[in-house]
PDB file of N, CA and C in Angstrom:
ATOM      1  N   MET A   1     129.140  85.014 107.947  1.00  0.00           N
ATOM      2  CA  MET A   1     127.352  84.824 107.711  1.00  0.00           C
ATOM      3  C   MET A   1     127.049  84.939 109.048  1.00  0.00           C
ATOM      4  N   TYR A   2     127.526  84.351 110.031  1.00  0.00           N
ATOM      5  CA  TYR A   2     126.929  85.047 111.413  1.00  0.00           C
ATOM      6  C   TYR A   2     126.694  85.947 111.732  1.00  0.00           C
ATOM      7  N   THR A   3     127.651  87.172 111.169  1.00  0.00           N
ATOM      8  CA  THR A   3     127.593  88.271 111.560  1.00  0.00           C
ATOM      9  C   THR A   3     125.863  88.822 110.732  1.00  0.00           C
ATOM     10  N   ALA A   4     125.949  88.443 109.135  1.00  0.00           N
ATOM     11  CA  ALA A   4     124.821  88.419 108.624  1.00  0.00           C
ATOM     12  C   ALA A   4     123.568  88.434 109.636  1.00  0.00           C
ATOM     13  N   LEU A   5     123.584  87.342 109.846  1.00  0.00           N
ATOM     14  CA  LEU A   5     122.454  86.711 110.916  1.00  0.00           C
ATOM     15  C   LEU A   5     122.211  87.644 111.627  1.00  0.00           C
ATOM     16  N   ILE A   6     123.095  87.958 112.528  1.00  0.00           N
ATOM     17  CA  ILE A   6     122.925  89.063 114.066  1.00  0.00           C
ATOM     18  C   ILE A   6     122.136  90.288 113.456  1.00  0.00           C
ATOM     19  N   ILE A   7     122.903  90.901 111.959  1.00  0.00           N
ATOM     20  CA  ILE A   7     122.194  91.826 111.831  1.00  0.00           C
ATOM     21  C   ILE A   7     120.472  91.785 111.625  1.00  0.00           C
ATOM     22  N   GLY A   8     120.314  90.967 110.829  1.00  0.00           N
ATOM     23  CA  GLY A   8     119.141  90.424 110.715  1.00  0.00           C
ATOM     24  C   GLY A   8     118.111  90.213 112.116  1.00  0.00           C
ATOM     25  N   VAL A   9     118.663  89.793 112.939  1.00  0.00           N
ATOM     26  CA  VAL A   9     118.127  89.621 114.249  1.00  0.00           C
ATOM     27  C   VAL A   9     117.948  90.638 115.166  1.00  0.00           C
ATOM     28  N   ILE A  10     118.308  91.372 114.903  1.00  0.00           N
ATOM     29  CA  ILE A  10     118.607  92.951 115.632  1.00  0.00           C
ATOM     30  C   ILE A  10     117.829  93.872 114.466  1.00  0.00           C
ATOM     31  N   GLY A  11     117.544  93.426 113.337  1.00  0.00           N
ATOM     32  CA  GLY A  11     116.733  94.584 112.682  1.00  0.00           C
ATOM     33  C   GLY A  11     115.377  93.966 112.848  1.00  0.00           C
ATOM     34  N   LEU A  12     115.267  92.835 113.188  1.00  0.00           N
ATOM     35  CA  LEU A  12     113.845  92.202 113.362  1.00  0.00           C
ATOM     36  C   LEU A  12     113.427  92.921 115.185  1.00  0.00           C
ATOM     37  N   LEU A  13     114.269  92.912 115.740  1.00  0.00           N
ATOM     38  CA  LEU A  13     114.178  93.347 116.890  1.00  0.00           C
ATOM     39  C   LEU A  13     113.648  95.027 117.404  1.00  0.00           C
ATOM     40  N   ILE A  14     114.546  95.701 116.286  1.00  0.00           N
ATOM     41  CA  ILE A  14     114.067  97.075 116.395  1.00  0.00           C
ATOM     42  C   ILE A  14     112.530  97.030 115.581  1.00  0.00           C
ATOM     43  N   TRP A  15     112.030  96.721 114.780  1.00  0.00           N
ATOM     44  CA  TRP A  15     111.104  96.548 114.122  1.00  0.00           C
ATOM     45  C   TRP A  15     109.830  96.021 115.082  1.00  0.00           C
ATOM     46  N   ALA A  16     109.960  94.866 115.550  1.00  0.00           N
ATOM     47  CA  ALA A  16     109.256  94.820 116.578  1.00  0.00           C
ATOM     48  C   ALA A  16     108.715  95.203 117.778  1.00  0.00           C
ATOM     49  N   THR A  17     110.085  96.200 118.405  1.00  0.00           N
ATOM     50  CA  THR A  17     109.915  97.201 119.605  1.00  0.00           C
ATOM     51  C   THR A  17     108.748  98.340 119.134  1.00  0.00           C
ATOM     52  N   CYS A  18     109.302  98.650 117.720  1.00  0.00           N
ATOM     53  CA  CYS A  18     108.669 100.112 117.387  1.00  0.00           C
ATOM     54  C   CYS A  18     107.424  99.681 117.540  1.00  0.00           C
ATOM     55  N   SER A  19     107.096  98.918 116.422  1.00  0.00           N
ATOM     56  CA  SER A  19     105.891  98.476 116.552  1.00  0.00           C
ATOM     57  C   SER A  19     104.709  97.933 117.566  1.00  0.00           C
ATOM     58  N   ARG A  20     105.230  97.431 118.528  1.00  0.00           N
ATOM     59  CA  ARG A  20     104.844  97.311 119.658  1.00  0.00           C
ATOM     60  C   ARG A  20     104.852  98.342 120.947  1.00  0.00           C
ATOM     61  N   LEU A  21     105.671  99.032 120.494  1.00  0.00           N
ATOM     62  CA  LEU A  21     105.444 100.693 121.356  1.00  0.00           C
ATOM     63  C   LEU A  21     104.397 101.198 120.999  1.00  0.00           C
ATOM     64  N   GLU A  22     104.461 101.489 119.431  1.00  0.00           N
ATOM     65  CA  GLU A  22     103.260 102.054 118.672  1.00  0.00           C
ATOM     66  C   GLU A  22     101.500 101.502 118.998  1.00  0.00           C
ATOM     67  N   LEU A  23     101.866 100.483 118.695  1.00  0.00           N
ATOM     68  CA  LEU A  23     100.285  99.835 119.599  1.00  0.00           C
ATOM     69  C   LEU A  23     100.058  99.900 120.653  1.00  0.00           C
ATOM     70  N   ALA A  24     101.109  99.986 121.611  1.00  0.00           N
ATOM     71  CA  ALA A  24     100.652 100.209 123.232  1.00  0.00           C
ATOM     72  C   ALA A  24     100.509 101.630 123.451  1.00  0.00           C
ATOM     73  N   SER A  25     100.813 102.572 122.709  1.00  0.00           N
ATOM     74  CA  SER A  25     100.041 103.768 122.606  1.00  0.00           C
ATOM     75  C   SER A  25      98.732 104.381 122.256  1.00  0.00           C
ATOM     76  N   LEU A  26      98.680 103.193 121.600  1.00  0.00           N
ATOM     77  CA  LEU A  26      97.297 103.175 120.671  1.00  0.00           C
ATOM     78  C   LEU A  26      96.722 102.451 121.614  1.00  0.00           C
ATOM     79  N   ALA A  27      96.462 101.599 122.332  1.00  0.00           N
ATOM     80  CA  ALA A  27      95.524 100.931 123.079  1.00  0.00           C
ATOM     81  C   ALA A  27      95.466 101.734 124.516  1.00  0.00           C
ATOM     82  N   ASN A  28      96.506 102.490 124.855  1.00  0.00           N
ATOM     83  CA  ASN A  28      96.348 103.177 126.022  1.00  0.00           C
ATOM     84  C   ASN A  28      95.225 104.315 125.946  1.00  0.00           C
ATOM     85  N   ASP A  29      95.156 104.457 124.690  1.00  0.00           N
ATOM     86  CA  ASP A  29      94.038 105.718 124.725  1.00  0.00           C
ATOM     87  C   ASP A  29      93.021 105.397 124.313  1.00  0.00           C
ATOM     88  N   VAL A  30      92.497 103.991 124.017  1.00  0.00           N
ATOM     89  CA  VAL A  30      91.304 103.586 123.736  1.00  0.00           C
ATOM     90  C   VAL A  30      90.813 103.129 124.886  1.00  0.00           C
ATOM     91  N   PHE A  31      91.422 102.265 125.413  1.00  0.00           N
ATOM     92  CA  PHE A  31      91.033 101.348 126.615  1.00  0.00           C
ATOM     93  C   PHE A  31      90.961 101.557 128.446  1.00  0.00           C
ATOM     94  N   PHE A  32      92.009 103.043 128.164  1.00  0.00           N
ATOM     95  CA  PHE A  32      92.018 103.101 129.846  1.00  0.00           C
ATOM     96  C   PHE A  32      91.409 104.130 130.140  1.00  0.00           C
ATOM     97  N   SER A  33      90.061 103.963 130.504  1.00  0.00           N
ATOM     98  CA  SER A  33      89.070 105.481 130.470  1.00  0.00           C
ATOM     99  C   SER A  33      89.591 105.615 131.980  1.00  0.00           C
ATOM    100  N   ALA A  34      89.896 104.990 132.569  1.00  0.00           N
ATOM    101  CA  ALA A  34      90.423 105.326 134.116  1.00  0.00           C
ATOM    102  C   ALA A  34      91.212 106.241 133.793  1.00  0.00           C
ATOM    103  N   GLU A  35      92.493 106.368 133.306  1.00  0.00           N
ATOM    104  CA  GLU A  35      93.461 106.724 133.300  1.00  0.00           C
ATOM    105  C   GLU A  35      93.238 108.013 132.234  1.00  0.00           C
ATOM    106  N   HIS A  36      92.226 108.097 131.216  1.00  0.00           N
ATOM    107  CA  HIS A  36      91.546 109.507 130.646  1.00  0.00           C
ATOM    108  C   HIS A  36      91.043 110.557 131.814  1.00  0.00           C
ATOM    109  N   LYS A  37      90.319 109.790 132.434  1.00  0.00           N
ATOM    110  CA  LYS A  37      89.532 110.301 133.519  1.00  0.00           C
ATOM    111  C   LYS A  37      90.624 111.408 134.636  1.00  0.00           C
ATOM    112  N   ALA A  38      91.733 110.431 134.885  1.00  0.00           N
ATOM    113  CA  ALA A  38      92.530 111.042 135.801  1.00  0.00           C
ATOM    114  C   ALA A  38      93.147 112.474 135.294  1.00  0.00           C
ATOM    115  N   ARG A  39      93.246 112.056 133.633  1.00  0.00           N
ATOM    116  CA  ARG A  39      94.047 113.278 133.052  1.00  0.00           C
ATOM    117  C   ARG A  39      92.840 114.604 133.152  1.00  0.00           C
ATOM    118  N   GLN A  40      92.084 113.985 132.830  1.00  0.00           N
ATOM    119  CA  GLN A  40      91.157 114.977 133.114  1.00  0.00           C
ATOM    120  C   GLN A  40      90.896 115.789 134.293  1.00  0.00           C
ATOM    121  N   GLU A  41      91.780 115.606 135.336  1.00  0.00           N
ATOM    122  CA  GLU A  41      91.364 116.087 136.564  1.00  0.00           C
ATOM    123  C   GLU A  41      92.919 116.528 136.648  1.00  0.00           C
ATOM    124  N   MET A  42      93.645 116.203 135.671  1.00  0.00           N
ATOM    125  CA  MET A  42      95.396 117.000 136.047  1.00  0.00           C
ATOM    126  C   MET A  42      94.941 118.647 135.717  1.00  0.00           C
ATOM    127  N   SER A  43      96.352 119.111 136.345  1.00  0.00           N
ATOM    128  CA  SER A  43      96.315 120.629 136.189  1.00  0.00           C
ATOM    129  C   SER A  43      96.558 120.914 134.481  1.00  0.00           C
ATOM    130  N   ARG A  44      96.558 122.064 133.847  1.00  0.00           N
ATOM    131  CA  ARG A  44      96.829 122.271 132.860  1.00  0.00           C
ATOM    132  C   ARG A  44      98.144 121.783 132.528  1.00  0.00           C
ATOM    133  N   ALA A  45      99.107 122.180 133.532  1.00  0.00           N
ATOM    134  CA  ALA A  45     100.734 121.812 133.205  1.00  0.00           C
ATOM    135  C   ALA A  45     100.917 120.615 133.301  1.00  0.00           C
ATOM    136  N   GLU A  46     100.258 119.773 134.117  1.00  0.00           N
ATOM    137  CA  GLU A  46     100.828 118.711 134.090  1.00  0.00           C
ATOM    138  C   GLU A  46      99.761 117.927 132.994  1.00  0.00           C
ATOM    139  N   ARG A  47      99.017 118.454 132.019  1.00  0.00           N
ATOM    140  CA  ARG A  47      98.520 117.878 130.791  1.00  0.00           C
ATOM    141  C   ARG A  47      99.087 117.929 129.760  1.00  0.00           C
ATOM    142  N   ALA A  48      99.859 119.411 129.728  1.00  0.00           N
ATOM    143  CA  ALA A  48     100.882 119.774 129.135  1.00  0.00           C
ATOM    144  C   ALA A  48     102.148 118.579 129.103  1.00  0.00           C
ATOM    145  N   SER A  49     102.723 118.623 130.122  1.00  0.00           N
ATOM    146  CA  SER A  49     103.847 117.496 130.217  1.00  0.00           C
ATOM    147  C   SER A  49     103.564 116.294 129.457  1.00  0.00           C
ATOM    148  N   HIS A  50     102.386 115.952 130.036  1.00  0.00           N
ATOM    149  CA  HIS A  50     102.102 114.202 129.696  1.00  0.00           C
ATOM    150  C   HIS A  50     101.830 114.623 128.101  1.00  0.00           C
ATOM    151  N   ARG A  51     101.421 115.073 127.629  1.00  0.00           N
ATOM    152  CA  ARG A  51     101.085 115.512 125.928  1.00  0.00           C
ATOM    153  C   ARG A  51     102.237 115.626 125.200  1.00  0.00           C
ATOM    154  N   GLN A  52     103.556 116.452 125.902  1.00  0.00           N
ATOM    155  CA  GLN A  52     105.057 116.319 125.373  1.00  0.00           C
ATOM    156  C   GLN A  52     105.686 115.043 125.438  1.00  0.00           C
ATOM    157  N   GLU A  53     105.377 114.302 126.429  1.00  0.00           N
ATOM    158  CA  GLU A  53     106.515 113.373 126.677  1.00  0.00           C
ATOM    159  C   GLU A  53     105.558 111.949 125.921  1.00  0.00           C
ATOM    160  N   LYS A  54     104.607 112.253 125.599  1.00  0.00           N
ATOM    161  CA  LYS A  54     103.824 111.417 124.717  1.00  0.00           C
ATOM    162  C   LYS A  54     104.184 111.755 123.346  1.00  0.00           C
ATOM    163  N   SER A  55     104.600 113.033 122.939  1.00  0.00           N
ATOM    164  CA  SER A  55     104.216 113.259 121.860  1.00  0.00           C
ATOM    165  C   SER A  55     105.690 112.945 121.535  1.00  0.00           C
ATOM    166  N   LEU A  56     107.205 113.186 122.427  1.00  0.00           N
ATOM    167  CA  LEU A  56     108.373 112.503 121.899  1.00  0.00           C
ATOM    168  C   LEU A  56     108.342 111.299 121.796  1.00  0.00           C
ATOM    169  N   ALA A  57     107.806 110.453 122.189  1.00  0.00           N
ATOM    170  CA  ALA A  57     107.508 108.963 122.273  1.00  0.00           C
ATOM    171  C   ALA A  57     106.908 108.918 120.730  1.00  0.00           C
ATOM    172  N   HIS A  58     106.160 109.122 120.313  1.00  0.00           N
ATOM    173  CA  HIS A  58     105.606 109.050 119.224  1.00  0.00           C
ATOM    174  C   HIS A  58     106.230 109.353 118.218  1.00  0.00           C
ATOM    175  N   GLN A  59     107.278 110.428 118.195  1.00  0.00           N
ATOM    176  CA  GLN A  59     107.713 110.752 116.987  1.00  0.00           C
ATOM    177  C   GLN A  59     109.303 109.859 116.899  1.00  0.00           C
ATOM    178  N   ALA A  60     109.898 109.600 118.292  1.00  0.00           N
ATOM    179  CA  ALA A  60     110.876 108.170 118.204  1.00  0.00           C
ATOM    180  C   ALA A  60     110.560 107.291 117.379  1.00  0.00           C
ATOM    181  N   VAL A  61     109.161 106.873 117.372  1.00  0.00           N
ATOM    182  CA  VAL A  61     108.711 105.421 116.853  1.00  0.00           C
ATOM    183  C   VAL A  61     108.243 105.856 115.473  1.00  0.00           C
ATOM    184  N   ARG A  62     107.852 106.954 115.091  1.00  0.00           N
ATOM    185  CA  ARG A  62     107.618 106.967 113.849  1.00  0.00           C
ATOM    186  C   ARG A  62     108.968 107.328 112.935  1.00  0.00           C
ATOM    187  N   PHE A  63     110.332 107.878 113.670  1.00  0.00           N
ATOM    188  CA  PHE A  63     111.122 108.099 113.171  1.00  0.00           C
ATOM    189  C   PHE A  63     111.859 106.651 112.620  1.00  0.00           C
ATOM    190  N   PHE A  64     111.937 106.050 113.299  1.00  0.00           N
ATOM    191  CA  PHE A  64     112.358 104.652 113.073  1.00  0.00           C
ATOM    192  C   PHE A  64     111.654 103.643 112.263  1.00  0.00           C
ATOM    193  N   LYS A  65     110.285 104.020 112.323  1.00  0.00           N
ATOM    194  CA  LYS A  65     109.582 103.464 111.347  1.00  0.00           C
ATOM    195  C   LYS A  65     109.517 103.705 110.525  1.00  0.00           C
ATOM    196  N   SER A  66     109.677 105.245 109.917  1.00  0.00           N
ATOM    197  CA  SER A  66     109.557 106.180 108.652  1.00  0.00           C
ATOM    198  C   SER A  66     111.041 105.494 107.863  1.00  0.00           C
ATOM    199  N   ILE A  67     111.770 106.059 108.438  1.00  0.00           N
ATOM    200  CA  ILE A  67     113.235 105.478 108.066  1.00  0.00           C
ATOM    201  C   ILE A  67     113.688 103.687 107.377  1.00  0.00           C
ATOM    202  N   GLY A  68     112.552 102.988 108.460  1.00  0.00           N
ATOM    203  CA  GLY A  68     113.077 101.410 108.248  1.00  0.00           C
ATOM    204  C   GLY A  68     114.384 101.162 108.622  1.00  0.00           C
ATOM    205  N   ILE A  69     114.790 101.435 109.937  1.00  0.00           N
ATOM    206  CA  ILE A  69     115.692 100.850 109.953  1.00  0.00           C
ATOM    207  C   ILE A  69     115.779  99.494 110.646  1.00  0.00           C
ATOM    208  N   GLY A  70     114.361  98.986 110.966  1.00  0.00           N
ATOM    209  CA  GLY A  70     114.084  97.677 111.803  1.00  0.00           C
ATOM    210  C   GLY A  70     113.929  96.538 110.221  1.00  0.00           C
ATOM    211  N   ILE A  71     113.608  97.531 109.121  1.00  0.00           N
ATOM    212  CA  ILE A  71     113.078  96.581 108.211  1.00  0.00           C
ATOM    213  C   ILE A  71     114.586  96.326 107.272  1.00  0.00           C
ATOM    214  N   GLY A  72     115.154  97.590 107.308  1.00  0.00           N
ATOM    215  CA  GLY A  72     116.248  97.475 106.304  1.00  0.00           C
ATOM    216  C   GLY A  72     116.946  96.651 106.766  1.00  0.00           C
ATOM    217  N   LEU A  73     117.960  96.748 108.164  1.00  0.00           N
ATOM    218  CA  LEU A  73     118.487  95.923 108.780  1.00  0.00           C
ATOM    219  C   LEU A  73     118.313  94.732 108.630  1.00  0.00           C
ATOM    220  N   THR A  74     116.771  94.023 108.669  1.00  0.00           N
ATOM    221  CA  THR A  74     116.458  92.840 108.619  1.00  0.00           C
ATOM    222  C   THR A  74     116.991  92.150 107.109  1.00  0.00           C
ATOM    223  N   VAL A  75     116.630  93.286 106.185  1.00  0.00           N
ATOM    224  CA  VAL A  75     116.567  92.655 104.737  1.00  0.00           C
ATOM    225  C   VAL A  75     118.131  92.584 104.491  1.00  0.00           C
ATOM    226  N   ILE A  76     118.704  93.570 104.917  1.00  0.00           N
ATOM    227  CA  ILE A  76     120.331  93.369 104.487  1.00  0.00           C
ATOM    228  C   ILE A  76     121.147  91.742 105.403  1.00  0.00           C
ATOM    229  N   GLY A  77     120.423  91.901 106.562  1.00  0.00           N
ATOM    230  CA  GLY A  77     121.030  91.260 107.532  1.00  0.00           C
ATOM    231  C   GLY A  77     120.773  89.560 106.615  1.00  0.00           C
ATOM    232  N   PHE A  78     119.409  89.423 106.609  1.00  0.00           N
ATOM    233  CA  PHE A  78     118.919  87.420 106.320  1.00  0.00           C
ATOM    234  C   PHE A  78     119.202  87.749 105.051  1.00  0.00           C
ATOM    235  N   GLY A  79     119.298  88.697 103.715  1.00  0.00           N
ATOM    236  CA  GLY A  79     119.860  88.975 102.247  1.00  0.00           C
ATOM    237  C   GLY A  79     121.219  88.514 102.193  1.00  0.00           C
ATOM    238  N   GLY A  80     121.947  88.958 102.982  1.00  0.00           N
ATOM    239  CA  GLY A  80     123.560  88.979 103.010  1.00  0.00           C
ATOM    240  C   GLY A  80     123.977  87.723 103.143  1.00  0.00           C
ATOM    241  N   ALA A  81     123.296  86.841 104.451  1.00  0.00           N
ATOM    242  CA  ALA A  81     123.181  85.634 104.838  1.00  0.00           C
ATOM    243  C   ALA A  81     123.144  84.480 103.838  1.00  0.00           C
ATOM    244  N   LEU A  82     121.551  84.963 103.030  1.00  0.00           N
ATOM    245  CA  LEU A  82     121.498  84.090 101.884  1.00  0.00           C
ATOM    246  C   LEU A  82     122.237  84.334 100.452  1.00  0.00           C
ATOM    247  N   VAL A  83     122.823  85.295 100.484  1.00  0.00           N
ATOM    248  CA  VAL A  83     124.037  85.603  99.204  1.00  0.00           C
ATOM    249  C   VAL A  83     125.268  85.196  99.582  1.00  0.00           C
ATOM    250  N   TYR A  84     125.325  84.893 100.814  1.00  0.00           N
ATOM    251  CA  TYR A  84     126.952  84.108 101.456  1.00  0.00           C
ATOM    252  C   TYR A  84     126.372  82.657 101.286  1.00  0.00           C
ATOM    253  N   ALA A  85     125.458  82.298 101.720  1.00  0.00           N
ATOM    254  CA  ALA A  85     125.035  80.818 101.700  1.00  0.00           C
ATOM    255  C   ALA A  85     125.367  80.344  99.938  1.00  0.00           C
ATOM    256  N   LEU A  86     124.612  81.367  99.241  1.00  0.00           N
ATOM    257  CA  LEU A  86     124.610  81.011  97.770  1.00  0.00           C
ATOM    258  C   LEU A  86     125.356  80.752  97.074  1.00  0.00           C
ATOM    259  N   VAL A  87     126.601  82.007  97.562  1.00  0.00           N
ATOM    260  CA  VAL A  87     128.071  81.697  96.437  1.00  0.00           C
ATOM    261  C   VAL A  87     128.861  81.287  97.205  1.00  0.00           C
ATOM    262  N   PHE A  88     129.199  81.282  98.782  1.00  0.00           N
ATOM    263  CA  PHE A  88     130.292  80.309  99.297  1.00  0.00           C
ATOM    264  C   PHE A  88     129.901  78.973  99.908  1.00  0.00           C
ATOM    265  N   MET A  89     128.851  78.507  99.828  1.00  0.00           N
ATOM    266  CA  MET A  89     128.773  77.346 100.128  1.00  0.00           C
ATOM    267  C   MET A  89     127.945  76.572  99.235  1.00  0.00           C
ATOM    268  N   THR A  90     128.491  76.507  97.604  1.00  0.00           N
ATOM    269  CA  THR A  90     128.049  75.779  96.853  1.00  0.00           C
ATOM    270  C   THR A  90     129.320  75.200  96.609  1.00  0.00           C
TER     271      THR A  90
END
């Protein structure tokens, strides 16, 4: 039963981390105009490097959210703990 709960907690952590990273990247684009001005003053190579780095981060977040690893682990973990509690504890 504890293993299932640990899997559920790990799923919640993955889910929360991916959501937080996505929200932080969206907030950076909207609220940090000083960073935007600094980016405009960068050379083309520096801007391309920055875009690629940001693109890779977005792809990783989308991958984990689209497959639903966090959600899947959460459901499997807590669902397994619930099933275990209902079947074996009664």
